[in-house]
C-alpha atoms as a PDB file:
ATOM      1  CA  MET A   1      51.990  26.813  60.975  1.00  0.00           C
ATOM      2  CA  ARG A   2      54.191  25.518  58.197  1.00  0.00           C
ATOM      3  CA  LEU A   3      54.624  27.236  54.817  1.00  0.00           C
ATOM      4  CA  CYS A   4      55.615  26.004  51.705  1.00  0.00           C
ATOM      5  CA  GLY A   5      56.258  27.330  48.219  1.00  0.00           C
ATOM      6  CA  ALA A   6      56.092  31.021  47.509  1.00  0.00           C
ATOM      7  CA  ASP A   7      55.408  31.740  51.419  1.00  0.00           C
ATOM      8  CA  LYS A   8      58.098  29.831  52.680  1.00  0.00           C
ATOM      9  CA  ALA A   9      60.989  31.493  50.298  1.00  0.00           C
ATOM     10  CA  ARG A  10      59.347  34.633  51.163  1.00  0.00           C
ATOM     11  CA  PHE A  11      59.492  34.072  55.204  1.00  0.00           C
ATOM     12  CA  LEU A  12      62.964  31.668  54.933  1.00  0.00           C
ATOM     13  CA  SER A  13      64.277  34.975  52.847  1.00  0.00           C
ATOM     14  CA  ARG A  14      63.492  37.991  55.011  1.00  0.00           C
ATOM     15  CA  GLY A  15      64.752  35.213  58.156  1.00  0.00           C
ATOM     16  CA  ALA A  16      68.038  35.799  56.319  1.00  0.00           C
ATOM     17  CA  ARG A  17      68.401  38.682  55.772  1.00  0.00           C
ATOM     18  CA  CYS A  18      67.704  39.125  59.386  1.00  0.00           C
ATOM     19  CA  GLY A  19      70.140  37.410  60.382  1.00  0.00           C
ATOM     20  CA  LYS A  20      67.874  34.883  62.514  1.00  0.00           C
ATOM     21  CA  ALA A  21      65.755  32.037  62.660  1.00  0.00           C
ATOM     22  CA  TRP A  22      62.155  33.661  60.988  1.00  0.00           C
ATOM     23  CA  TYR A  23      59.128  32.383  63.243  1.00  0.00           C
ATOM     24  CA  ILE A  24      55.752  33.179  62.383  1.00  0.00           C
ATOM     25  CA  MET A  25      54.217  34.325  65.275  1.00  0.00           C
ATOM     26  CA  THR A  26      55.269  34.924  68.919  1.00  0.00           C
ATOM     27  CA  LEU A  27      53.380  34.243  71.768  1.00  0.00           C
ATOM     28  CA  LEU A  28      54.591  37.302  74.549  1.00  0.00           C
ATOM     29  CA  VAL A  29      53.260  35.986  78.075  1.00  0.00           C
ATOM     30  CA  LEU A  30      53.812  39.267  80.523  1.00  0.00           C
ATOM     31  CA  ALA A  31      54.729  37.346  84.064  1.00  0.00           C
ATOM     32  CA  ALA A  32      56.381  38.861  85.574  1.00  0.00           C
ATOM     33  CA  GLY A  33      53.867  39.483  88.196  1.00  0.00           C
ATOM     34  CA  MET A  34      53.282  35.738  89.247  1.00  0.00           C
ATOM     35  CA  GLY A  35      56.455  35.739  92.300  1.00  0.00           C
ATOM     36  CA  SER A  36      54.705  39.073  93.927  1.00  0.00           C
ATOM     37  CA  ARG A  37      51.039  37.307  93.909  1.00  0.00           C
ATOM     38  CA  TYR A  38      51.780  34.095  94.298  1.00  0.00           C
ATOM     39  CA  GLY A  39      54.481  34.737  96.874  1.00  0.00           C
ATOM     40  CA  GLY A  40      57.142  33.104  95.053  1.00  0.00           C
ATOM     41  CA  LEU A  41      56.915  30.627  91.994  1.00  0.00           C
ATOM     42  CA  LYS A  42      57.030  27.780  93.957  1.00  0.00           C
ATOM     43  CA  GLN A  43      54.418  28.095  96.091  1.00  0.00           C
ATOM     44  CA  ILE A  44      52.047  27.824  92.789  1.00  0.00           C
ATOM     45  CA  ASP A  45      49.689  25.333  93.144  1.00  0.00           C
ATOM     46  CA  PRO A  46      48.756  23.124  90.288  1.00  0.00           C
ATOM     47  CA  PHE A  47      44.971  22.867  88.765  1.00  0.00           C
ATOM     48  CA  THR A  48      45.275  19.345  87.474  1.00  0.00           C
ATOM     49  CA  LYS A  49      46.391  15.662  89.097  1.00  0.00           C
ATOM     50  CA  ASP A  50      49.457  15.983  86.699  1.00  0.00           C
ATOM     51  CA  GLY A  51      50.831  19.364  88.131  1.00  0.00           C
ATOM     52  CA  GLU A  52      49.687  22.034  85.302  1.00  0.00           C
ATOM     53  CA  PHE A  53      49.070  25.720  86.004  1.00  0.00           C
ATOM     54  CA  ILE A  54      46.508  27.855  83.644  1.00  0.00           C
ATOM     55  CA  ILE A  55      50.474  28.901  81.899  1.00  0.00           C
ATOM     56  CA  ASP A  56      50.344  24.979  80.765  1.00  0.00           C
ATOM     57  CA  PHE A  57      46.734  25.800  79.491  1.00  0.00           C
ATOM     58  CA  SER A  58      47.639  29.110  77.654  1.00  0.00           C
ATOM     59  CA  VAL A  59      50.565  27.831  76.011  1.00  0.00           C
ATOM     60  CA  TYR A  60      48.862  24.132  74.507  1.00  0.00           C
ATOM     61  CA  ASP A  61      45.896  26.790  73.153  1.00  0.00           C
ATOM     62  CA  ALA A  62      48.508  28.877  71.321  1.00  0.00           C
ATOM     63  CA  LEU A  63      50.135  25.614  70.064  1.00  0.00           C
ATOM     64  CA  GLN A  64      47.589  24.300  68.675  1.00  0.00           C
ATOM     65  CA  ALA A  65      46.546  27.913  67.120  1.00  0.00           C
ATOM     66  CA  GLY A  66      50.136  27.428  65.447  1.00  0.00           C
ATOM     67  CA  PHE A  67      52.083  29.392  67.492  1.00  0.00           C
ATOM     68  CA  ASP A  68      56.005  28.748  67.017  1.00  0.00           C
ATOM     69  CA  ARG A  69      57.641  30.859  69.902  1.00  0.00           C
ATOM     70  CA  VAL A  70      56.566  31.652  73.260  1.00  0.00           C
ATOM     71  CA  VAL A  71      58.629  34.181  75.014  1.00  0.00           C
ATOM     72  CA  PHE A  72      58.358  35.295  78.836  1.00  0.00           C
ATOM     73  CA  ILE A  73      58.755  38.295  80.291  1.00  0.00           C
ATOM     74  CA  ILE A  74      59.766  37.508  83.286  1.00  0.00           C
ATOM     75  CA  LYS A  75      61.837  38.977  86.761  1.00  0.00           C
ATOM     76  CA  GLU A  76      65.075  38.233  86.756  1.00  0.00           C
ATOM     77  CA  GLN A  77      65.237  37.109  90.133  1.00  0.00           C
ATOM     78  CA  ASN A  78      62.615  34.382  89.510  1.00  0.00           C
ATOM     79  CA  TYR A  79      64.473  32.882  86.050  1.00  0.00           C
ATOM     80  CA  GLU A  80      65.829  29.937  87.685  1.00  0.00           C
ATOM     81  CA  ASP A  81      62.464  29.166  89.876  1.00  0.00           C
ATOM     82  CA  PHE A  82      60.562  30.212  86.267  1.00  0.00           C
ATOM     83  CA  ARG A  83      62.685  27.951  84.109  1.00  0.00           C
ATOM     84  CA  GLU A  84      62.911  24.845  86.740  1.00  0.00           C
ATOM     85  CA  THR A  85      58.862  25.103  87.362  1.00  0.00           C
ATOM     86  CA  ILE A  86      57.052  26.003  84.050  1.00  0.00           C
ATOM     87  CA  GLY A  87      59.880  26.159  80.955  1.00  0.00           C
ATOM     88  CA  LYS A  88      61.468  23.605  80.901  1.00  0.00           C
ATOM     89  CA  ARG A  89      58.477  21.109  80.280  1.00  0.00           C
ATOM     90  CA  LEU A  90      57.773  22.852  77.335  1.00  0.00           C
ATOM     91  CA  GLU A  91      61.497  22.971  75.865  1.00  0.00           C
ATOM     92  CA  GLY A  92      61.497  20.841  73.217  1.00  0.00           C
ATOM     93  CA  LYS A  93      57.542  21.254  72.614  1.00  0.00           C
ATOM     94  CA  VAL A  94      57.660  24.674  71.325  1.00  0.00           C
ATOM     95  CA  LYS A  95      60.605  27.098  70.914  1.00  0.00           C
ATOM     96  CA  VAL A  96      61.358  29.241  74.866  1.00  0.00           C
ATOM     97  CA  GLU A  97      63.096  32.294  74.971  1.00  0.00           C
ATOM     98  CA  TYR A  98      63.013  34.666  78.152  1.00  0.00           C
ATOM     99  CA  ALA A  99      62.765  38.565  78.524  1.00  0.00           C
ATOM    100  CA  PHE A 100      63.751  39.887  82.367  1.00  0.00           C
ATOM    101  CA  GLN A 101      61.458  43.244  83.503  1.00  0.00           C
ATOM    102  CA  LYS A 102      63.567  45.469  85.307  1.00  0.00           C
ATOM    103  CA  MET A 103      62.933  48.478  87.126  1.00  0.00           C
ATOM    104  CA  ASP A 104      65.388  50.715  85.092  1.00  0.00           C
ATOM    105  CA  THR A 105      64.960  49.440  81.645  1.00  0.00           C
ATOM    106  CA  LEU A 106      64.027  53.012  79.570  1.00  0.00           C
ATOM    107  CA  VAL A 107      63.570  54.764  83.328  1.00  0.00           C
ATOM    108  CA  PRO A 108      66.568  57.113  84.284  1.00  0.00           C
ATOM    109  CA  VAL A 109      67.402  56.295  88.250  1.00  0.00           C
ATOM    110  CA  ASP A 110      66.700  60.107  88.851  1.00  0.00           C
ATOM    111  CA  LYS A 111      63.150  58.866  88.042  1.00  0.00           C
ATOM    112  CA  ILE A 112      63.573  55.222  90.171  1.00  0.00           C
ATOM    113  CA  PRO A 113      62.052  56.058  93.999  1.00  0.00           C
ATOM    114  CA  ALA A 114      64.305  54.564  96.601  1.00  0.00           C
ATOM    115  CA  GLU A 115      60.889  52.876  98.294  1.00  0.00           C
ATOM    116  CA  ARG A 116      59.430  51.396  94.836  1.00  0.00           C
ATOM    117  CA  VAL A 117      58.788  48.383  94.353  1.00  0.00           C
ATOM    118  CA  LYS A 118      56.262  47.428  91.873  1.00  0.00           C
ATOM    119  CA  PRO A 119      57.312  47.073  88.336  1.00  0.00           C
ATOM    120  CA  TRP A 120      55.931  49.831  85.867  1.00  0.00           C
ATOM    121  CA  GLY A 121      53.198  47.731  84.598  1.00  0.00           C
ATOM    122  CA  THR A 122      52.133  46.041  81.340  1.00  0.00           C
ATOM    123  CA  THR A 123      53.735  48.607  78.957  1.00  0.00           C
ATOM    124  CA  HIS A 124      56.962  48.597  80.113  1.00  0.00           C
ATOM    125  CA  ALA A 125      56.420  44.585  80.463  1.00  0.00           C
ATOM    126  CA  VAL A 126      56.174  44.985  76.781  1.00  0.00           C
ATOM    127  CA  LEU A 127      58.992  47.057  75.771  1.00  0.00           C
ATOM    128  CA  CYS A 128      61.246  45.146  78.207  1.00  0.00           C
ATOM    129  CA  ALA A 129      60.597  42.165  75.552  1.00  0.00           C
ATOM    130  CA  ALA A 130      61.073  44.024  72.154  1.00  0.00           C
ATOM    131  CA  ASP A 131      65.050  42.679  71.532  1.00  0.00           C
ATOM    132  CA  VAL A 132      64.030  39.213  71.579  1.00  0.00           C
ATOM    133  CA  VAL A 133      60.343  39.283  69.968  1.00  0.00           C
ATOM    134  CA  GLY A 134      62.368  41.450  67.121  1.00  0.00           C
ATOM    135  CA  ASP A 135      60.699  42.382  64.159  1.00  0.00           C
ATOM    136  CA  ASP A 136      58.132  38.591  64.720  1.00  0.00           C
ATOM    137  CA  SER A 137      54.361  39.580  64.563  1.00  0.00           C
ATOM    138  CA  PHE A 138      53.308  38.542  68.073  1.00  0.00           C
ATOM    139  CA  ALA A 139      50.175  37.701  70.771  1.00  0.00           C
ATOM    140  CA  VAL A 140      50.094  39.351  74.518  1.00  0.00           C
ATOM    141  CA  ILE A 141      48.876  37.731  76.836  1.00  0.00           C
ATOM    142  CA  ASN A 142      48.976  37.609  80.933  1.00  0.00           C
ATOM    143  CA  ALA A 143      50.252  34.644  82.485  1.00  0.00           C
ATOM    144  CA  ASP A 144      47.415  33.744  85.313  1.00  0.00           C
ATOM    145  CA  ASP A 145      44.224  34.331  82.464  1.00  0.00           C
ATOM    146  CA  PHE A 146      42.501  30.738  81.065  1.00  0.00           C
ATOM    147  CA  TYR A 147      41.529  32.577  77.761  1.00  0.00           C
ATOM    148  CA  GLY A 148      40.163  29.907  76.075  1.00  0.00           C
ATOM    149  CA  ARG A 149      40.959  28.070  72.369  1.00  0.00           C
ATOM    150  CA  ASP A 150      39.128  30.318  70.052  1.00  0.00           C
ATOM    151  CA  ALA A 151      40.515  33.222  71.626  1.00  0.00           C
ATOM    152  CA  TYR A 152      44.287  31.832  70.163  1.00  0.00           C
ATOM    153  CA  MET A 153      42.875  30.529  67.006  1.00  0.00           C
ATOM    154  CA  LYS A 154      40.711  34.561  66.232  1.00  0.00           C
ATOM    155  CA  ALA A 155      44.095  35.630  67.076  1.00  0.00           C
ATOM    156  CA  ALA A 156      46.493  33.078  64.675  1.00  0.00           C
ATOM    157  CA  GLU A 157      44.105  33.787  61.958  1.00  0.00           C
ATOM    158  CA  PHE A 158      44.726  37.697  62.724  1.00  0.00           C
ATOM    159  CA  LEU A 159      48.548  37.619  62.478  1.00  0.00           C
ATOM    160  CA  ARG A 160      49.015  35.899  59.844  1.00  0.00           C
ATOM    161  CA  GLU A 161      47.732  37.854  57.660  1.00  0.00           C
ATOM    162  CA  ALA A 162      49.844  40.710  60.320  1.00  0.00           C
ATOM    163  CA  GLU A 163      52.676  40.344  57.410  1.00  0.00           C
ATOM    164  CA  LYS A 164      50.570  41.489  54.251  1.00  0.00           C
ATOM    165  CA  SER A 165      48.548  44.383  55.973  1.00  0.00           C
ATOM    166  CA  ASP A 166      49.248  47.758  57.323  1.00  0.00           C
ATOM    167  CA  LYS A 167      52.215  47.543  60.001  1.00  0.00           C
ATOM    168  CA  ASN A 168      49.957  49.764  62.610  1.00  0.00           C
ATOM    169  CA  GLU A 169      47.339  47.758  62.240  1.00  0.00           C
ATOM    170  CA  TYR A 170      46.344  46.210  65.978  1.00  0.00           C
ATOM    171  CA  ALA A 171      44.298  43.104  67.057  1.00  0.00           C
ATOM    172  CA  MET A 172      42.460  43.112  70.630  1.00  0.00           C
ATOM    173  CA  ILE A 173      40.697  40.094  71.382  1.00  0.00           C
ATOM    174  CA  GLY A 174      37.233  41.420  73.151  1.00  0.00           C
ATOM    175  CA  TYR A 175      35.073  39.816  75.795  1.00  0.00           C
ATOM    176  CA  VAL A 176      31.575  40.646  77.372  1.00  0.00           C
ATOM    177  CA  LEU A 177      32.189  41.550  80.452  1.00  0.00           C
ATOM    178  CA  GLY A 178      29.448  38.563  81.735  1.00  0.00           C
ATOM    179  CA  ASN A 179      32.406  36.434  80.758  1.00  0.00           C
ATOM    180  CA  THR A 180      34.681  38.035  83.009  1.00  0.00           C
ATOM    181  CA  LEU A 181      33.787  38.685  86.656  1.00  0.00           C
ATOM    182  CA  THR A 182      34.542  36.953  89.605  1.00  0.00           C
ATOM    183  CA  ASP A 183      32.460  36.438  92.635  1.00  0.00           C
ATOM    184  CA  ASN A 184      34.626  37.491  95.486  1.00  0.00           C
ATOM    185  CA  GLY A 185      35.850  40.676  94.581  1.00  0.00           C
ATOM    186  CA  SER A 186      36.713  43.596  92.152  1.00  0.00           C
ATOM    187  CA  VAL A 187      39.215  42.838  88.711  1.00  0.00           C
ATOM    188  CA  ALA A 188      40.545  45.230  86.428  1.00  0.00           C
ATOM    189  CA  ARG A 189      39.485  45.341  82.861  1.00  0.00           C
ATOM    190  CA  GLY A 190      39.679  47.378  79.271  1.00  0.00           C
ATOM    191  CA  VAL A 191      36.215  48.899  79.203  1.00  0.00           C
ATOM    192  CA  CYS A 192      35.613  49.379  75.613  1.00  0.00           C
ATOM    193  CA  GLU A 193      33.862  51.239  72.595  1.00  0.00           C
ATOM    194  CA  THR A 194      33.427  50.485  69.349  1.00  0.00           C
ATOM    195  CA  LYS A 195      32.823  51.299  65.920  1.00  0.00           C
ATOM    196  CA  ASP A 196      32.412  49.207  62.669  1.00  0.00           C
ATOM    197  CA  GLY A 197      34.653  46.539  64.714  1.00  0.00           C
ATOM    198  CA  TYR A 198      37.315  48.653  65.469  1.00  0.00           C
ATOM    199  CA  LEU A 199      38.847  50.240  68.334  1.00  0.00           C
ATOM    200  CA  ASP A 200      36.791  53.579  69.307  1.00  0.00           C
ATOM    201  CA  LYS A 201      37.935  54.096  72.515  1.00  0.00           C
ATOM    202  CA  ILE A 202      39.181  52.057  76.251  1.00  0.00           C
ATOM    203  CA  VAL A 203      40.164  52.662  79.278  1.00  0.00           C
ATOM    204  CA  GLU A 204      41.379  50.886  81.959  1.00  0.00           C
ATOM    205  CA  ARG A 205      39.296  49.969  84.956  1.00  0.00           C
ATOM    206  CA  THR A 206      41.048  48.966  88.098  1.00  0.00           C
ATOM    207  CA  LYS A 207      38.006  47.842  90.004  1.00  0.00           C
ATOM    208  CA  ILE A 208      34.719  46.465  88.637  1.00  0.00           C
ATOM    209  CA  PHE A 209      32.278  44.587  90.870  1.00  0.00           C
ATOM    210  CA  LYS A 210      30.005  42.194  89.849  1.00  0.00           C
ATOM    211  CA  THR A 211      26.312  42.904  90.010  1.00  0.00           C
ATOM    212  CA  PRO A 212      22.930  41.070  89.753  1.00  0.00           C
ATOM    213  CA  THR A 213      22.742  43.370  86.386  1.00  0.00           C
ATOM    214  CA  GLY A 214      26.689  43.156  85.287  1.00  0.00           C
ATOM    215  CA  GLY A 215      29.338  45.388  86.224  1.00  0.00           C
ATOM    216  CA  ARG A 216      30.037  48.475  88.786  1.00  0.00           C
ATOM    217  CA  PHE A 217      33.096  50.836  89.070  1.00  0.00           C
ATOM    218  CA  GLU A 218      33.602  53.797  90.306  1.00  0.00           C
ATOM    219  CA  ASP A 219      35.300  56.639  87.638  1.00  0.00           C
ATOM    220  CA  GLU A 220      38.259  58.973  88.698  1.00  0.00           C
ATOM    221  CA  ASN A 221      35.200  61.805  90.131  1.00  0.00           C
ATOM    222  CA  GLY A 222      33.897  59.521  92.501  1.00  0.00           C
ATOM    223  CA  ASN A 223      30.473  58.840  90.121  1.00  0.00           C
ATOM    224  CA  THR A 224      29.352  55.059  90.044  1.00  0.00           C
ATOM    225  CA  VAL A 225      29.079  53.892  86.978  1.00  0.00           C
ATOM    226  CA  ASP A 226      27.119  50.905  86.105  1.00  0.00           C
ATOM    227  CA  LEU A 227      27.915  48.189  83.094  1.00  0.00           C
ATOM    228  CA  THR A 228      25.917  46.272  80.894  1.00  0.00           C
ATOM    229  CA  PRO A 229      26.882  42.199  81.389  1.00  0.00           C
ATOM    230  CA  ASP A 230      27.816  42.590  77.294  1.00  0.00           C
ATOM    231  CA  THR A 231      30.083  45.495  77.454  1.00  0.00           C
ATOM    232  CA  VAL A 232      33.054  44.224  75.569  1.00  0.00           C
ATOM    233  CA  VAL A 233      36.067  44.167  76.883  1.00  0.00           C
ATOM    234  CA  SER A 234      40.440  44.124  77.821  1.00  0.00           C
ATOM    235  CA  MET A 235      41.442  40.959  79.039  1.00  0.00           C
ATOM    236  CA  ASN A 236      45.308  42.151  77.834  1.00  0.00           C
ATOM    237  CA  PHE A 237      44.918  39.769  74.693  1.00  0.00           C
ATOM    238  CA  TRP A 238      46.166  41.744  72.039  1.00  0.00           C
ATOM    239  CA  CYS A 239      47.912  40.994  68.662  1.00  0.00           C
ATOM    240  CA  PHE A 240      50.700  43.354  67.427  1.00  0.00           C
ATOM    241  CA  THR A 241      53.315  43.924  64.696  1.00  0.00           C
ATOM    242  CA  SER A 242      56.552  45.106  65.733  1.00  0.00           C
ATOM    243  CA  SER A 243      55.825  48.953  65.274  1.00  0.00           C
ATOM    244  CA  ILE A 244      53.948  48.757  68.964  1.00  0.00           C
ATOM    245  CA  PHE A 245      57.650  49.300  70.721  1.00  0.00           C
ATOM    246  CA  LYS A 246      58.323  52.590  68.700  1.00  0.00           C
ATOM    247  CA  GLY A 247      54.973  54.386  69.742  1.00  0.00           C
ATOM    248  CA  ALA A 248      54.194  52.270  73.446  1.00  0.00           C
ATOM    249  CA  LYS A 249      58.357  53.664  73.598  1.00  0.00           C
ATOM    250  CA  LYS A 250      57.000  57.107  73.739  1.00  0.00           C
ATOM    251  CA  GLN A 251      54.044  56.735  75.641  1.00  0.00           C
ATOM    252  CA  PHE A 252      56.140  55.368  78.282  1.00  0.00           C
ATOM    253  CA  GLU A 253      58.423  57.926  78.155  1.00  0.00           C
ATOM    254  CA  LYS A 254      55.746  60.433  78.717  1.00  0.00           C
ATOM    255  CA  PHE A 255      54.079  58.283  81.573  1.00  0.00           C
ATOM    256  CA  ILE A 256      57.850  58.896  83.297  1.00  0.00           C
ATOM    257  CA  ASN A 257      57.926  62.563  82.832  1.00  0.00           C
ATOM    258  CA  ASP A 258      54.263  62.833  84.545  1.00  0.00           C
ATOM    259  CA  THR A 259      55.164  64.736  87.535  1.00  0.00           C
ATOM    260  CA  ASP A 260      51.349  63.803  88.321  1.00  0.00           C
ATOM    261  CA  ARG A 261      51.729  59.770  88.724  1.00  0.00           C
ATOM    262  CA  GLU A 262      51.524  58.314  92.317  1.00  0.00           C
ATOM    263  CA  PRO A 263      55.394  57.697  92.345  1.00  0.00           C
ATOM    264  CA  LEU A 264      55.289  54.412  94.079  1.00  0.00           C
ATOM    265  CA  LYS A 265      52.403  52.272  92.867  1.00  0.00           C
ATOM    266  CA  SER A 266      51.368  53.935  89.472  1.00  0.00           C
ATOM    267  CA  GLU A 267      51.654  51.861  86.565  1.00  0.00           C
ATOM    268  CA  CYS A 268      51.107  52.125  82.875  1.00  0.00           C
ATOM    269  CA  PHE A 269      48.614  50.378  81.485  1.00  0.00           C
ATOM    270  CA  LEU A 270      48.978  48.278  77.772  1.00  0.00           C
ATOM    271  CA  PRO A 271      44.914  49.281  77.679  1.00  0.00           C
ATOM    272  CA  ASN A 272      45.669  52.947  78.264  1.00  0.00           C
ATOM    273  CA  VAL A 273      48.626  52.887  75.762  1.00  0.00           C
ATOM    274  CA  VAL A 274      46.760  51.167  72.341  1.00  0.00           C
ATOM    275  CA  GLY A 275      43.993  53.609  73.577  1.00  0.00           C
ATOM    276  CA  GLU A 276      45.965  56.660  73.202  1.00  0.00           C
ATOM    277  CA  LEU A 277      47.838  55.667  70.463  1.00  0.00           C
ATOM    278  CA  LYS A 278      44.712  55.116  68.803  1.00  0.00           C
ATOM    279  CA  THR A 279      43.418  58.335  69.309  1.00  0.00           C
ATOM    280  CA  GLU A 280      46.853  59.969  67.857  1.00  0.00           C
ATOM    281  CA  GLY A 281      45.932  58.001  64.130  1.00  0.00           C
ATOM    282  CA  TYR A 282      49.278  55.598  65.010  1.00  0.00           C
ATOM    283  CA  CYS A 283      47.083  52.835  64.804  1.00  0.00           C
ATOM    284  CA  THR A 284      44.042  51.073  64.260  1.00  0.00           C
ATOM    285  CA  VAL A 285      43.008  48.251  66.412  1.00  0.00           C
ATOM    286  CA  LYS A 286      40.493  45.922  64.877  1.00  0.00           C
ATOM    287  CA  VAL A 287      38.284  44.332  68.129  1.00  0.00           C
ATOM    288  CA  ILE A 288      37.937  40.491  67.702  1.00  0.00           C
ATOM    289  CA  GLU A 289      35.152  38.799  69.445  1.00  0.00           C
ATOM    290  CA  THR A 290      35.436  35.967  71.598  1.00  0.00           C
ATOM    291  CA  SER A 291      32.695  34.063  72.904  1.00  0.00           C
ATOM    292  CA  ALA A 292      35.114  32.058  75.142  1.00  0.00           C
ATOM    293  CA  LYS A 293      35.017  32.496  78.962  1.00  0.00           C
ATOM    294  CA  TRP A 294      37.395  33.945  81.088  1.00  0.00           C
ATOM    295  CA  TYR A 295      38.633  31.510  83.990  1.00  0.00           C
ATOM    296  CA  GLY A 296      41.840  33.482  86.504  1.00  0.00           C
ATOM    297  CA  VAL A 297      42.808  32.938  89.349  1.00  0.00           C
ATOM    298  CA  THR A 298      42.314  36.803  91.162  1.00  0.00           C
ATOM    299  CA  TYR A 299      41.483  35.655  94.547  1.00  0.00           C
ATOM    300  CA  ALA A 300      42.276  32.437  96.367  1.00  0.00           C
ATOM    301  CA  ASP A 301      38.040  31.566  96.607  1.00  0.00           C
ATOM    302  CA  ASP A 302      38.030  31.474  92.409  1.00  0.00           C
ATOM    303  CA  LYS A 303      40.813  28.664  92.787  1.00  0.00           C
ATOM    304  CA  PRO A 304      37.805  25.550  93.218  1.00  0.00           C
ATOM    305  CA  ALA A 305      35.746  26.663  90.428  1.00  0.00           C
ATOM    306  CA  VAL A 306      38.150  26.894  87.872  1.00  0.00           C
ATOM    307  CA  VAL A 307      40.116  23.595  88.720  1.00  0.00           C
ATOM    308  CA  ALA A 308      36.769  21.901  88.907  1.00  0.00           C
ATOM    309  CA  ARG A 309      36.101  23.918  84.753  1.00  0.00           C
ATOM    310  CA  ILE A 310      39.418  22.603  84.109  1.00  0.00           C
ATOM    311  CA  GLY A 311      38.696  19.074  84.942  1.00  0.00           C
ATOM    312  CA  GLU A 312      35.545  19.380  83.105  1.00  0.00           C
ATOM    313  CA  MET A 313      37.616  20.422  79.131  1.00  0.00           C
ATOM    314  CA  ILE A 314      39.936  17.296  80.148  1.00  0.00           C
ATOM    315  CA  ALA A 315      36.730  14.848  81.088  1.00  0.00           C
ATOM    316  CA  ASP A 316      35.216  15.818  77.778  1.00  0.00           C
ATOM    317  CA  GLY A 317      38.388  15.778  75.051  1.00  0.00           C
ATOM    318  CA  THR A 318      39.176  19.493  75.094  1.00  0.00           C
ATOM    319  CA  TYR A 319      42.098  18.667  76.406  1.00  0.00           C
ATOM    320  CA  PRO A 320      43.987  15.723  76.922  1.00  0.00           C
ATOM    321  CA  GLU A 321      45.214  14.351  80.391  1.00  0.00           C
ATOM    322  CA  GLY A 322      48.631  15.527  81.006  1.00  0.00           C
ATOM    323  CA  LEU A 323      49.465  17.843  78.764  1.00  0.00           C
ATOM    324  CA  TRP A 324      52.998  17.267  77.892  1.00  0.00           C
ATOM    325  CA  LYS A 325      52.923  13.552  78.376  1.00  0.00           C
END
C-alpha cells in the first residue's frame, strides 16, 4: 500500500519519531519448526517445477495485498540455510528481516530442562520477534500453511485500519473446519465460538480427525467430541497491534511458572493465549471469515494433492509461472 497527502505525512512523521523507517504492514512468518518437520531446510521439497515452496506463495499473496515487510522467525542455527534456500530470492522484492526463537529467550535458565529440545510454542515464537517487529501492526502466519489470497486481502484491510482503531482490538482469519482437514491423519486447530462477529472462546485442539460428518477430537477428559464441517477454526492467521507483546508476555510467564505442565513437551499455544487475554478483557478479537481453502503438508501423503492444486492455480492464472522471475 502507498500513502499520499495527510496520511503519508502522518506515517512518515511517526517513523521519524521512532527513529526508523515506517512500514505500514508487517507479515510475521513462524518458521522455527521447519527444520525439524522437514528433516533440515536443505531437504525441503519444492511444490513447482520452478522450485517454489508454500512459503513463496504466502509471501506473494501478502505482497499482492499490500504488505511491506516480511519477518521470518527461525532457529538461529538455520539462518544460513534458510536465507540461501528461501530468503535470498525474496530480497529486492520486499523488506526481509529475521528473528531467532531461542530456548532461553524470556525463560530463566532454571526453568529449562537439560533434555528439552522442543521449542516453547507459537506464543514464544511471536515474543521472540518483538524487537524486530517493533511498533508495527502485523499479521502472523505459519510458514507451511497455504492460506489463499482472500485471507491476506482481508487481513490487510483490517490492518490498514489498525492505527486508527482500538490498540487492543485484534483479528483472526477464521476458516471453516471442512476446508482445513486432511485425509491422512489428525490436525491441530483452534476451535472457536463466536458472538456478533467477535471471538467468544477458543481452545487449541491438537488431534482433530476427519469424519464423514465433519471432525472429531478427544477432550481433556477423554470424551469424544464431534464437530460440524462449518465450525469456525483458527489456522494461526492473526492480525495484531504491538500491544499483543505485553499481554502475551504475561501469559507466557504464567505458562513457564506452571508447575503442572509437562516439562519436556508442553507448548504455549498462541490461540490459547489470545483466548485468555480476551477472557481477561485485555483485548477483543474480530473474526474475519474466509471462504478460502487451506492447503498444507501435515503428512507426506498430503503433498501430491497440494502440488496438483497449486499447479491448477498456476494454469488458471491465479499465480504466474515462476513467482519471482
